[in-house]
Each structure stands twice: as C-alpha cells, then as structure tokens.
mmCIF file of all heavy atoms, coordinates in Angstrom:
data_MODEL
# 
_entry.id   MODEL 
# 
loop_
_atom_site.group_PDB 
_atom_site.id 
_atom_site.type_symbol 
_atom_site.label_atom_id 
_atom_site.label_alt_id 
_atom_site.label_comp_id 
_atom_site.label_asym_id 
_atom_site.label_entity_id 
_atom_site.label_seq_id 
_atom_site.pdbx_PDB_ins_code 
_atom_site.Cartn_x 
_atom_site.Cartn_y 
_atom_site.Cartn_z 
_atom_site.occupancy 
_atom_site.B_iso_or_equiv 
_atom_site.pdbx_formal_charge 
_atom_site.auth_seq_id 
_atom_site.auth_comp_id 
_atom_site.auth_asym_id 
_atom_site.auth_atom_id 
_atom_site.pdbx_PDB_model_num 
ATOM 1   N N   . GLY A 1 1  ? 0.780   -1.228 0.000   1.00 0.00 ? 1  GLY A N   1 
ATOM 2   C CA  . GLY A 1 1  ? 0.000   0.000  0.000   1.00 0.00 ? 1  GLY A CA  1 
ATOM 3   C C   . GLY A 1 1  ? 0.813   1.280  0.000   1.00 0.00 ? 1  GLY A C   1 
ATOM 4   O O   . GLY A 1 1  ? 0.264   2.367  0.217   1.00 0.00 ? 1  GLY A O   1 
ATOM 5   N N   . LYS A 1 2  ? 2.113   1.191  -0.256  1.00 0.00 ? 2  LYS A N   1 
ATOM 6   C CA  . LYS A 1 2  ? 2.980   2.364  -0.176  1.00 0.00 ? 2  LYS A CA  1 
ATOM 7   C C   . LYS A 1 2  ? 3.716   2.601  -1.500  1.00 0.00 ? 2  LYS A C   1 
ATOM 8   O O   . LYS A 1 2  ? 4.198   1.658  -2.124  1.00 0.00 ? 2  LYS A O   1 
ATOM 9   C CB  . LYS A 1 2  ? 4.014   2.189  0.943   1.00 0.00 ? 2  LYS A CB  1 
ATOM 10  C CG  . LYS A 1 2  ? 3.405   1.995  2.322   1.00 0.00 ? 2  LYS A CG  1 
ATOM 11  C CD  . LYS A 1 2  ? 4.480   1.715  3.348   1.00 0.00 ? 2  LYS A CD  1 
ATOM 12  C CE  . LYS A 1 2  ? 3.873   1.458  4.720   1.00 0.00 ? 2  LYS A CE  1 
ATOM 13  N NZ  . LYS A 1 2  ? 4.922   1.139  5.716   1.00 0.00 ? 2  LYS A NZ  1 
ATOM 14  N N   . GLY A 1 3  ? 3.819   3.882  -1.893  1.00 0.00 ? 3  GLY A N   1 
ATOM 15  C CA  . GLY A 1 3  ? 4.687   4.231  -3.005  1.00 0.00 ? 3  GLY A CA  1 
ATOM 16  C C   . GLY A 1 3  ? 6.135   3.960  -2.624  1.00 0.00 ? 3  GLY A C   1 
ATOM 17  O O   . GLY A 1 3  ? 6.450   3.703  -1.451  1.00 0.00 ? 3  GLY A O   1 
ATOM 18  N N   . PHE A 1 4  ? 7.043   4.038  -3.592  1.00 0.00 ? 4  PHE A N   1 
ATOM 19  C CA  . PHE A 1 4  ? 8.421   3.638  -3.314  1.00 0.00 ? 4  PHE A CA  1 
ATOM 20  C C   . PHE A 1 4  ? 9.400   4.372  -4.227  1.00 0.00 ? 4  PHE A C   1 
ATOM 21  O O   . PHE A 1 4  ? 9.006   5.013  -5.203  1.00 0.00 ? 4  PHE A O   1 
ATOM 22  C CB  . PHE A 1 4  ? 8.573   2.120  -3.487  1.00 0.00 ? 4  PHE A CB  1 
ATOM 23  C CG  . PHE A 1 4  ? 8.243   1.623  -4.878  1.00 0.00 ? 4  PHE A CG  1 
ATOM 24  C CD1 . PHE A 1 4  ? 9.239   1.353  -5.809  1.00 0.00 ? 4  PHE A CD1 1 
ATOM 25  C CD2 . PHE A 1 4  ? 6.912   1.418  -5.260  1.00 0.00 ? 4  PHE A CD2 1 
ATOM 26  C CE1 . PHE A 1 4  ? 8.927   0.886  -7.082  1.00 0.00 ? 4  PHE A CE1 1 
ATOM 27  C CE2 . PHE A 1 4  ? 6.595   0.955  -6.542  1.00 0.00 ? 4  PHE A CE2 1 
ATOM 28  C CZ  . PHE A 1 4  ? 7.604   0.697  -7.444  1.00 0.00 ? 4  PHE A CZ  1 
ATOM 29  N N   . TRP A 1 5  ? 10.675  4.264  -3.907  1.00 0.00 ? 5  TRP A N   1 
ATOM 30  C CA  . TRP A 1 5  ? 11.764  4.809  -4.724  1.00 0.00 ? 5  TRP A CA  1 
ATOM 31  C C   . TRP A 1 5  ? 12.571  3.633  -5.258  1.00 0.00 ? 5  TRP A C   1 
ATOM 32  O O   . TRP A 1 5  ? 12.793  2.649  -4.547  1.00 0.00 ? 5  TRP A O   1 
ATOM 33  C CB  . TRP A 1 5  ? 12.659  5.735  -3.897  1.00 0.00 ? 5  TRP A CB  1 
ATOM 34  C CG  . TRP A 1 5  ? 11.978  6.988  -3.466  1.00 0.00 ? 5  TRP A CG  1 
ATOM 35  C CD1 . TRP A 1 5  ? 11.080  7.133  -2.447  1.00 0.00 ? 5  TRP A CD1 1 
ATOM 36  C CD2 . TRP A 1 5  ? 12.137  8.284  -4.043  1.00 0.00 ? 5  TRP A CD2 1 
ATOM 37  N NE1 . TRP A 1 5  ? 10.664  8.430  -2.345  1.00 0.00 ? 5  TRP A NE1 1 
ATOM 38  C CE2 . TRP A 1 5  ? 11.297  9.168  -3.312  1.00 0.00 ? 5  TRP A CE2 1 
ATOM 39  C CE3 . TRP A 1 5  ? 12.896  8.800  -5.094  1.00 0.00 ? 5  TRP A CE3 1 
ATOM 40  C CZ2 . TRP A 1 5  ? 11.201  10.529 -3.606  1.00 0.00 ? 5  TRP A CZ2 1 
ATOM 41  C CZ3 . TRP A 1 5  ? 12.806  10.145 -5.383  1.00 0.00 ? 5  TRP A CZ3 1 
ATOM 42  C CH2 . TRP A 1 5  ? 11.970  10.995 -4.657  1.00 0.00 ? 5  TRP A CH2 1 
ATOM 43  N N   . HIS A 1 6  ? 13.003  3.738  -6.501  1.00 0.00 ? 6  HIS A N   1 
ATOM 44  C CA  . HIS A 1 6  ? 13.720  2.619  -7.122  1.00 0.00 ? 6  HIS A CA  1 
ATOM 45  C C   . HIS A 1 6  ? 14.629  3.153  -8.230  1.00 0.00 ? 6  HIS A C   1 
ATOM 46  O O   . HIS A 1 6  ? 14.264  4.086  -8.953  1.00 0.00 ? 6  HIS A O   1 
ATOM 47  C CB  . HIS A 1 6  ? 12.720  1.617  -7.701  1.00 0.00 ? 6  HIS A CB  1 
ATOM 48  C CG  . HIS A 1 6  ? 13.340  0.457  -8.412  1.00 0.00 ? 6  HIS A CG  1 
ATOM 49  N ND1 . HIS A 1 6  ? 14.112  -0.488 -7.774  1.00 0.00 ? 6  HIS A ND1 1 
ATOM 50  C CD2 . HIS A 1 6  ? 13.308  0.098  -9.723  1.00 0.00 ? 6  HIS A CD2 1 
ATOM 51  C CE1 . HIS A 1 6  ? 14.532  -1.391 -8.655  1.00 0.00 ? 6  HIS A CE1 1 
ATOM 52  N NE2 . HIS A 1 6  ? 14.062  -1.057 -9.834  1.00 0.00 ? 6  HIS A NE2 1 
ATOM 53  N N   . LYS A 1 7  ? 15.795  2.539  -8.368  1.00 0.00 ? 7  LYS A N   1 
ATOM 54  C CA  . LYS A 1 7  ? 16.764  2.931  -9.394  1.00 0.00 ? 7  LYS A CA  1 
ATOM 55  C C   . LYS A 1 7  ? 16.559  2.084  -10.640 1.00 0.00 ? 7  LYS A C   1 
ATOM 56  O O   . LYS A 1 7  ? 16.780  0.878  -10.614 1.00 0.00 ? 7  LYS A O   1 
ATOM 57  C CB  . LYS A 1 7  ? 18.193  2.761  -8.866  1.00 0.00 ? 7  LYS A CB  1 
ATOM 58  C CG  . LYS A 1 7  ? 19.269  3.245  -9.832  1.00 0.00 ? 7  LYS A CG  1 
ATOM 59  C CD  . LYS A 1 7  ? 20.656  3.105  -9.204  1.00 0.00 ? 7  LYS A CD  1 
ATOM 60  C CE  . LYS A 1 7  ? 21.737  3.625  -10.150 1.00 0.00 ? 7  LYS A CE  1 
ATOM 61  N NZ  . LYS A 1 7  ? 23.088  3.509  -9.545  1.00 0.00 ? 7  LYS A NZ  1 
ATOM 62  N N   . ASP A 1 8  ? 16.125  2.715  -11.719 1.00 0.00 ? 8  ASP A N   1 
ATOM 63  C CA  . ASP A 1 8  ? 15.875  1.990  -12.966 1.00 0.00 ? 8  ASP A CA  1 
ATOM 64  C C   . ASP A 1 8  ? 15.656  3.004  -14.091 1.00 0.00 ? 8  ASP A C   1 
ATOM 65  O O   . ASP A 1 8  ? 15.553  4.207  -13.832 1.00 0.00 ? 8  ASP A O   1 
ATOM 66  C CB  . ASP A 1 8  ? 14.652  1.081  -12.837 1.00 0.00 ? 8  ASP A CB  1 
ATOM 67  C CG  . ASP A 1 8  ? 14.808  -0.235 -13.593 1.00 0.00 ? 8  ASP A CG  1 
ATOM 68  O OD1 . ASP A 1 8  ? 15.501  -0.237 -14.634 1.00 0.00 ? 8  ASP A OD1 1 
ATOM 69  O OD2 . ASP A 1 8  ? 14.246  -1.247 -13.143 1.00 0.00 ? 8  ASP A OD2 1 
ATOM 70  N N   . GLU A 1 9  ? 15.593  2.527  -15.300 1.00 0.00 ? 9  GLU A N   1 
ATOM 71  C CA  . GLU A 1 9  ? 15.319  3.382  -16.462 1.00 0.00 ? 9  GLU A CA  1 
ATOM 72  C C   . GLU A 1 9  ? 13.832  3.286  -16.799 1.00 0.00 ? 9  GLU A C   1 
ATOM 73  O O   . GLU A 1 9  ? 13.297  2.187  -16.951 1.00 0.00 ? 9  GLU A O   1 
ATOM 74  C CB  . GLU A 1 9  ? 16.150  2.919  -17.656 1.00 0.00 ? 9  GLU A CB  1 
ATOM 75  C CG  . GLU A 1 9  ? 15.901  3.709  -18.926 1.00 0.00 ? 9  GLU A CG  1 
ATOM 76  C CD  . GLU A 1 9  ? 16.600  3.078  -20.117 1.00 0.00 ? 9  GLU A CD  1 
ATOM 77  O OE1 . GLU A 1 9  ? 17.771  3.432  -20.356 1.00 0.00 ? 9  GLU A OE1 1 
ATOM 78  O OE2 . GLU A 1 9  ? 15.988  2.215  -20.785 1.00 0.00 ? 9  GLU A OE2 1 
ATOM 79  N N   . ILE A 1 10 ? 13.182  4.441  -16.936 1.00 0.00 ? 10 ILE A N   1 
ATOM 80  C CA  . ILE A 1 10 ? 11.737  4.452  -17.109 1.00 0.00 ? 10 ILE A CA  1 
ATOM 81  C C   . ILE A 1 10 ? 11.357  5.083  -18.447 1.00 0.00 ? 10 ILE A C   1 
ATOM 82  O O   . ILE A 1 10 ? 11.770  6.196  -18.777 1.00 0.00 ? 10 ILE A O   1 
ATOM 83  C CB  . ILE A 1 10 ? 11.056  5.214  -15.955 1.00 0.00 ? 10 ILE A CB  1 
ATOM 84  C CG1 . ILE A 1 10 ? 11.460  4.592  -14.614 1.00 0.00 ? 10 ILE A CG1 1 
ATOM 85  C CG2 . ILE A 1 10 ? 9.539   5.215  -16.138 1.00 0.00 ? 10 ILE A CG2 1 
ATOM 86  C CD1 . ILE A 1 10 ? 11.125  3.113  -14.474 1.00 0.00 ? 10 ILE A CD1 1 
ATOM 87  N N   . TYR A 1 11 ? 10.556  4.346  -19.202 1.00 0.00 ? 11 TYR A N   1 
ATOM 88  C CA  . TYR A 1 11 ? 10.093  4.809  -20.509 1.00 0.00 ? 11 TYR A CA  1 
ATOM 89  C C   . TYR A 1 11 ? 8.891   5.741  -20.380 1.00 0.00 ? 11 TYR A C   1 
ATOM 90  O O   . TYR A 1 11 ? 8.105   5.655  -19.448 1.00 0.00 ? 11 TYR A O   1 
ATOM 91  C CB  . TYR A 1 11 ? 9.607   3.623  -21.360 1.00 0.00 ? 11 TYR A CB  1 
ATOM 92  C CG  . TYR A 1 11 ? 10.647  2.654  -21.817 1.00 0.00 ? 11 TYR A CG  1 
ATOM 93  C CD1 . TYR A 1 11 ? 10.247  1.467  -22.449 1.00 0.00 ? 11 TYR A CD1 1 
ATOM 94  C CD2 . TYR A 1 11 ? 12.005  2.867  -21.645 1.00 0.00 ? 11 TYR A CD2 1 
ATOM 95  C CE1 . TYR A 1 11 ? 11.171  0.545  -22.899 1.00 0.00 ? 11 TYR A CE1 1 
ATOM 96  C CE2 . TYR A 1 11 ? 12.931  1.944  -22.087 1.00 0.00 ? 11 TYR A CE2 1 
ATOM 97  C CZ  . TYR A 1 11 ? 12.512  0.785  -22.709 1.00 0.00 ? 11 TYR A CZ  1 
ATOM 98  O OH  . TYR A 1 11 ? 13.419  -0.146 -23.155 1.00 0.00 ? 11 TYR A OH  1 
ATOM 99  N N   . GLN A 1 12 ? 8.747   6.581  -21.392 1.00 0.00 ? 12 GLN A N   1 
ATOM 100 C CA  . GLN A 1 12 ? 7.465   7.204  -21.680 1.00 0.00 ? 12 GLN A CA  1 
ATOM 101 C C   . GLN A 1 12 ? 7.001   6.599  -23.001 1.00 0.00 ? 12 GLN A C   1 
ATOM 102 O O   . GLN A 1 12 ? 7.804   6.023  -23.740 1.00 0.00 ? 12 GLN A O   1 
ATOM 103 C CB  . GLN A 1 12 ? 7.585   8.722  -21.770 1.00 0.00 ? 12 GLN A CB  1 
ATOM 104 C CG  . GLN A 1 12 ? 8.603   9.203  -22.779 1.00 0.00 ? 12 GLN A CG  1 
ATOM 105 C CD  . GLN A 1 12 ? 8.845   10.705 -22.666 1.00 0.00 ? 12 GLN A CD  1 
ATOM 106 O OE1 . GLN A 1 12 ? 8.322   11.383 -21.805 1.00 0.00 ? 12 GLN A OE1 1 
ATOM 107 N NE2 . GLN A 1 12 ? 9.660   11.236 -23.554 1.00 0.00 ? 12 GLN A NE2 1 
ATOM 108 N N   . TYR A 1 13 ? 5.720   6.720  -23.305 1.00 0.00 ? 13 TYR A N   1 
ATOM 109 C CA  . TYR A 1 13 ? 5.145   5.988  -24.432 1.00 0.00 ? 13 TYR A CA  1 
ATOM 110 C C   . TYR A 1 13 ? 4.558   6.929  -25.477 1.00 0.00 ? 13 TYR A C   1 
ATOM 111 O O   . TYR A 1 13 ? 4.050   8.007  -25.155 1.00 0.00 ? 13 TYR A O   1 
ATOM 112 C CB  . TYR A 1 13 ? 4.086   4.999  -23.927 1.00 0.00 ? 13 TYR A CB  1 
ATOM 113 C CG  . TYR A 1 13 ? 4.686   4.028  -22.952 1.00 0.00 ? 13 TYR A CG  1 
ATOM 114 C CD1 . TYR A 1 13 ? 4.656   4.273  -21.581 1.00 0.00 ? 13 TYR A CD1 1 
ATOM 115 C CD2 . TYR A 1 13 ? 5.370   2.904  -23.397 1.00 0.00 ? 13 TYR A CD2 1 
ATOM 116 C CE1 . TYR A 1 13 ? 5.257   3.422  -20.687 1.00 0.00 ? 13 TYR A CE1 1 
ATOM 117 C CE2 . TYR A 1 13 ? 5.980   2.046  -22.515 1.00 0.00 ? 13 TYR A CE2 1 
ATOM 118 C CZ  . TYR A 1 13 ? 5.923   2.305  -21.166 1.00 0.00 ? 13 TYR A CZ  1 
ATOM 119 O OH  . TYR A 1 13 ? 6.550   1.459  -20.270 1.00 0.00 ? 13 TYR A OH  1 
ATOM 120 N N   . LYS A 1 14 ? 4.649   6.507  -26.718 1.00 0.00 ? 14 LYS A N   1 
ATOM 121 C CA  . LYS A 1 14 ? 4.140   7.318  -27.819 1.00 0.00 ? 14 LYS A CA  1 
ATOM 122 C C   . LYS A 1 14 ? 2.652   7.597  -27.606 1.00 0.00 ? 14 LYS A C   1 
ATOM 123 O O   . LYS A 1 14 ? 1.864   6.655  -27.470 1.00 0.00 ? 14 LYS A O   1 
ATOM 124 C CB  . LYS A 1 14 ? 4.339   6.591  -29.154 1.00 0.00 ? 14 LYS A CB  1 
ATOM 125 C CG  . LYS A 1 14 ? 5.797   6.411  -29.551 1.00 0.00 ? 14 LYS A CG  1 
ATOM 126 C CD  . LYS A 1 14 ? 5.893   5.678  -30.875 1.00 0.00 ? 14 LYS A CD  1 
ATOM 127 C CE  . LYS A 1 14 ? 7.351   5.504  -31.290 1.00 0.00 ? 14 LYS A CE  1 
ATOM 128 N NZ  . LYS A 1 14 ? 7.467   4.748  -32.558 1.00 0.00 ? 14 LYS A NZ  1 
ATOM 129 N N   . PRO A 1 15 ? 2.266   8.863  -27.608 1.00 0.00 ? 15 PRO A N   1 
ATOM 130 C CA  . PRO A 1 15 ? 0.844   9.176  -27.374 1.00 0.00 ? 15 PRO A CA  1 
ATOM 131 C C   . PRO A 1 15 ? -0.083  8.490  -28.371 1.00 0.00 ? 15 PRO A C   1 
ATOM 132 O O   . PRO A 1 15 ? -1.193  8.101  -28.019 1.00 0.00 ? 15 PRO A O   1 
ATOM 133 C CB  . PRO A 1 15 ? 0.804   10.705 -27.537 1.00 0.00 ? 15 PRO A CB  1 
ATOM 134 C CG  . PRO A 1 15 ? 2.190   11.164 -27.227 1.00 0.00 ? 15 PRO A CG  1 
ATOM 135 C CD  . PRO A 1 15 ? 3.093   10.082 -27.738 1.00 0.00 ? 15 PRO A CD  1 
ATOM 136 N N   . GLU A 1 16 ? 0.385   8.303  -29.598 1.00 0.00 ? 16 GLU A N   1 
ATOM 137 C CA  . GLU A 1 16 ? -0.488  7.739  -30.630 1.00 0.00 ? 16 GLU A CA  1 
ATOM 138 C C   . GLU A 1 16 ? -0.635  6.217  -30.532 1.00 0.00 ? 16 GLU A C   1 
ATOM 139 O O   . GLU A 1 16 ? -1.532  5.634  -31.144 1.00 0.00 ? 16 GLU A O   1 
ATOM 140 C CB  . GLU A 1 16 ? 0.009   8.113  -32.027 1.00 0.00 ? 16 GLU A CB  1 
ATOM 141 C CG  . GLU A 1 16 ? 1.365   7.536  -32.418 1.00 0.00 ? 16 GLU A CG  1 
ATOM 142 C CD  . GLU A 1 16 ? 2.555   8.388  -32.009 1.00 0.00 ? 16 GLU A CD  1 
ATOM 143 O OE1 . GLU A 1 16 ? 2.395   9.228  -31.089 1.00 0.00 ? 16 GLU A OE1 1 
ATOM 144 O OE2 . GLU A 1 16 ? 3.633   8.222  -32.613 1.00 0.00 ? 16 GLU A OE2 1 
ATOM 145 N N   . THR A 1 17 ? 0.241   5.552  -29.766 1.00 0.00 ? 17 THR A N   1 
ATOM 146 C CA  . THR A 1 17 ? 0.145   4.093  -29.655 1.00 0.00 ? 17 THR A CA  1 
ATOM 147 C C   . THR A 1 17 ? -0.135  3.609  -28.237 1.00 0.00 ? 17 THR A C   1 
ATOM 148 O O   . THR A 1 17 ? -0.461  2.435  -28.049 1.00 0.00 ? 17 THR A O   1 
ATOM 149 C CB  . THR A 1 17 ? 1.453   3.424  -30.147 1.00 0.00 ? 17 THR A CB  1 
ATOM 150 O OG1 . THR A 1 17 ? 2.558   3.902  -29.361 1.00 0.00 ? 17 THR A OG1 1 
ATOM 151 C CG2 . THR A 1 17 ? 1.703   3.723  -31.612 1.00 0.00 ? 17 THR A CG2 1 
ATOM 152 N N   . TYR A 1 18 ? -0.022  4.478  -27.247 1.00 0.00 ? 18 TYR A N   1 
ATOM 153 C CA  . TYR A 1 18 ? -0.297  4.080  -25.867 1.00 0.00 ? 18 TYR A CA  1 
ATOM 154 C C   . TYR A 1 18 ? -1.788  3.784  -25.703 1.00 0.00 ? 18 TYR A C   1 
ATOM 155 O O   . TYR A 1 18 ? -2.641  4.591  -26.057 1.00 0.00 ? 18 TYR A O   1 
ATOM 156 C CB  . TYR A 1 18 ? 0.149   5.195  -24.920 1.00 0.00 ? 18 TYR A CB  1 
ATOM 157 C CG  . TYR A 1 18 ? -0.286  5.010  -23.494 1.00 0.00 ? 18 TYR A CG  1 
ATOM 158 C CD1 . TYR A 1 18 ? 0.036   3.844  -22.796 1.00 0.00 ? 18 TYR A CD1 1 
ATOM 159 C CD2 . TYR A 1 18 ? -1.016  5.996  -22.838 1.00 0.00 ? 18 TYR A CD2 1 
ATOM 160 C CE1 . TYR A 1 18 ? -0.372  3.667  -21.488 1.00 0.00 ? 18 TYR A CE1 1 
ATOM 161 C CE2 . TYR A 1 18 ? -1.423  5.829  -21.520 1.00 0.00 ? 18 TYR A CE2 1 
ATOM 162 C CZ  . TYR A 1 18 ? -1.100  4.667  -20.855 1.00 0.00 ? 18 TYR A CZ  1 
ATOM 163 O OH  . TYR A 1 18 ? -1.505  4.490  -19.562 1.00 0.00 ? 18 TYR A OH  1 
ATOM 164 N N   . ALA A 1 19 ? -2.109  2.616  -25.156 1.00 0.00 ? 19 ALA A N   1 
ATOM 165 C CA  . ALA A 1 19 ? -3.499  2.175  -25.047 1.00 0.00 ? 19 ALA A CA  1 
ATOM 166 C C   . ALA A 1 19 ? -4.314  3.007  -24.067 1.00 0.00 ? 19 ALA A C   1 
ATOM 167 O O   . ALA A 1 19 ? -5.534  3.122  -24.206 1.00 0.00 ? 19 ALA A O   1 
ATOM 168 C CB  . ALA A 1 19 ? -3.546  0.698  -24.648 1.00 0.00 ? 19 ALA A CB  1 
ATOM 169 N N   . GLY A 1 20 ? -3.676  3.577  -23.051 1.00 0.00 ? 20 GLY A N   1 
ATOM 170 C CA  . GLY A 1 20 ? -4.346  4.490  -22.142 1.00 0.00 ? 20 GLY A CA  1 
ATOM 171 C C   . GLY A 1 20 ? -5.180  3.818  -21.072 1.00 0.00 ? 20 GLY A C   1 
ATOM 172 O O   . GLY A 1 20 ? -5.469  2.617  -21.122 1.00 0.00 ? 20 GLY A O   1 
ATOM 173 N N   . ASP A 1 21 ? -5.582  4.621  -20.071 1.00 0.00 ? 21 ASP A N   1 
ATOM 174 C CA  . ASP A 1 21 ? -6.316  4.044  -18.947 1.00 0.00 ? 21 ASP A CA  1 
ATOM 175 C C   . ASP A 1 21 ? -7.777  3.767  -19.266 1.00 0.00 ? 21 ASP A C   1 
ATOM 176 O O   . ASP A 1 21 ? -8.521  3.320  -18.401 1.00 0.00 ? 21 ASP A O   1 
ATOM 177 C CB  . ASP A 1 21 ? -6.167  4.893  -17.686 1.00 0.00 ? 21 ASP A CB  1 
ATOM 178 C CG  . ASP A 1 21 ? -6.564  6.340  -17.894 1.00 0.00 ? 21 ASP A CG  1 
ATOM 179 O OD1 . ASP A 1 21 ? -7.109  6.659  -18.964 1.00 0.00 ? 21 ASP A OD1 1 
ATOM 180 O OD2 . ASP A 1 21 ? -6.325  7.148  -16.979 1.00 0.00 ? 21 ASP A OD2 1 
ATOM 181 N N   . ASP A 1 22 ? -8.187  3.993  -20.507 1.00 0.00 ? 22 ASP A N   1 
ATOM 182 C CA  . ASP A 1 22 ? -9.499  3.511  -20.947 1.00 0.00 ? 22 ASP A CA  1 
ATOM 183 C C   . ASP A 1 22 ? -9.446  2.039  -21.343 1.00 0.00 ? 22 ASP A C   1 
ATOM 184 O O   . ASP A 1 22 ? -10.482 1.394  -21.518 1.00 0.00 ? 22 ASP A O   1 
ATOM 185 C CB  . ASP A 1 22 ? -9.998  4.324  -22.149 1.00 0.00 ? 22 ASP A CB  1 
ATOM 186 C CG  . ASP A 1 22 ? -10.517 5.700  -21.734 1.00 0.00 ? 22 ASP A CG  1 
ATOM 187 O OD1 . ASP A 1 22 ? -10.944 5.846  -20.579 1.00 0.00 ? 22 ASP A OD1 1 
ATOM 188 O OD2 . ASP A 1 22 ? -10.477 6.613  -22.566 1.00 0.00 ? 22 ASP A OD2 1 
ATOM 189 N N   . ASN A 1 23 ? -8.218  1.520  -21.501 1.00 0.00 ? 23 ASN A N   1 
ATOM 190 C CA  . ASN A 1 23 ? -8.029  0.129  -21.911 1.00 0.00 ? 23 ASN A CA  1 
ATOM 191 C C   . ASN A 1 23 ? -7.170  -0.677 -20.939 1.00 0.00 ? 23 ASN A C   1 
ATOM 192 O O   . ASN A 1 23 ? -7.234  -1.909 -20.937 1.00 0.00 ? 23 ASN A O   1 
ATOM 193 C CB  . ASN A 1 23 ? -7.377  0.079  -23.297 1.00 0.00 ? 23 ASN A CB  1 
ATOM 194 C CG  . ASN A 1 23 ? -8.244  0.701  -24.368 1.00 0.00 ? 23 ASN A CG  1 
ATOM 195 O OD1 . ASN A 1 23 ? -9.280  0.159  -24.718 1.00 0.00 ? 23 ASN A OD1 1 
ATOM 196 N ND2 . ASN A 1 23 ? -7.826  1.843  -24.896 1.00 0.00 ? 23 ASN A ND2 1 
ATOM 197 N N   . LEU A 1 24 ? -6.380  -0.004 -20.135 1.00 0.00 ? 24 LEU A N   1 
ATOM 198 C CA  . LEU A 1 24 ? -5.449  -0.668 -19.222 1.00 0.00 ? 24 LEU A CA  1 
ATOM 199 C C   . LEU A 1 24 ? -5.834  -0.404 -17.776 1.00 0.00 ? 24 LEU A C   1 
ATOM 200 O O   . LEU A 1 24 ? -6.350  0.661  -17.446 1.00 0.00 ? 24 LEU A O   1 
ATOM 201 C CB  . LEU A 1 24 ? -4.022  -0.148 -19.437 1.00 0.00 ? 24 LEU A CB  1 
ATOM 202 C CG  . LEU A 1 24 ? -3.481  -0.136 -20.867 1.00 0.00 ? 24 LEU A CG  1 
ATOM 203 C CD1 . LEU A 1 24 ? -2.112  0.547  -20.888 1.00 0.00 ? 24 LEU A CD1 1 
ATOM 204 C CD2 . LEU A 1 24 ? -3.390  -1.540 -21.433 1.00 0.00 ? 24 LEU A CD2 1 
ATOM 205 N N   . ARG A 1 25 ? -5.553  -1.368 -16.920 1.00 0.00 ? 25 ARG A N   1 
ATOM 206 C CA  . ARG A 1 25 ? -5.662  -1.131 -15.474 1.00 0.00 ? 25 ARG A CA  1 
ATOM 207 C C   . ARG A 1 25 ? -4.257  -0.736 -15.014 1.00 0.00 ? 25 ARG A C   1 
ATOM 208 O O   . ARG A 1 25 ? -3.355  -1.568 -14.899 1.00 0.00 ? 25 ARG A O   1 
ATOM 209 C CB  . ARG A 1 25 ? -6.148  -2.384 -14.750 1.00 0.00 ? 25 ARG A CB  1 
ATOM 210 C CG  . ARG A 1 25 ? -6.366  -2.182 -13.242 1.00 0.00 ? 25 ARG A CG  1 
ATOM 211 C CD  . ARG A 1 25 ? -7.477  -1.149 -12.984 1.00 0.00 ? 25 ARG A CD  1 
ATOM 212 N NE  . ARG A 1 25 ? -7.902  -1.174 -11.586 1.00 0.00 ? 25 ARG A NE  1 
ATOM 213 C CZ  . ARG A 1 25 ? -8.939  -1.874 -11.150 1.00 0.00 ? 25 ARG A CZ  1 
ATOM 214 N NH1 . ARG A 1 25 ? -9.652  -2.619 -12.001 1.00 0.00 ? 25 ARG A NH1 1 
ATOM 215 N NH2 . ARG A 1 25 ? -9.270  -1.835 -9.877  1.00 0.00 ? 25 ARG A NH2 1 
ATOM 216 N N   . ILE A 1 26 ? -4.065  0.555  -14.762 1.00 0.00 ? 26 ILE A N   1 
ATOM 217 C CA  . ILE A 1 26 ? -2.754  1.052  -14.374 1.00 0.00 ? 26 ILE A CA  1 
ATOM 218 C C   . ILE A 1 26 ? -2.496  0.699  -12.917 1.00 0.00 ? 26 ILE A C   1 
ATOM 219 O O   . ILE A 1 26 ? -3.320  0.981  -12.037 1.00 0.00 ? 26 ILE A O   1 
ATOM 220 C CB  . ILE A 1 26 ? -2.650  2.581  -14.570 1.00 0.00 ? 26 ILE A CB  1 
ATOM 221 C CG1 . ILE A 1 26 ? -3.096  2.972  -15.991 1.00 0.00 ? 26 ILE A CG1 1 
ATOM 222 C CG2 . ILE A 1 26 ? -1.225  3.046  -14.296 1.00 0.00 ? 26 ILE A CG2 1 
ATOM 223 C CD1 . ILE A 1 26 ? -2.300  2.349  -17.092 1.00 0.00 ? 26 ILE A CD1 1 
# 
C-alpha cells in the first residue's frame, strides 16, 4: 500500500500508440 523509490530506467510511451487508462488497469 505504499509508493516507493527505485533505481531503474523508465520509458514514456508514444501518445499515438499508448493504449491508455481507458483500456489498461494502471
């Protein structure tokens, strides 16, 4: 139940191909 800090590389996604929270359970 807690947010966290982590060392990693994080992507952002192409707006035109990202399925979005209308299709995904984030």
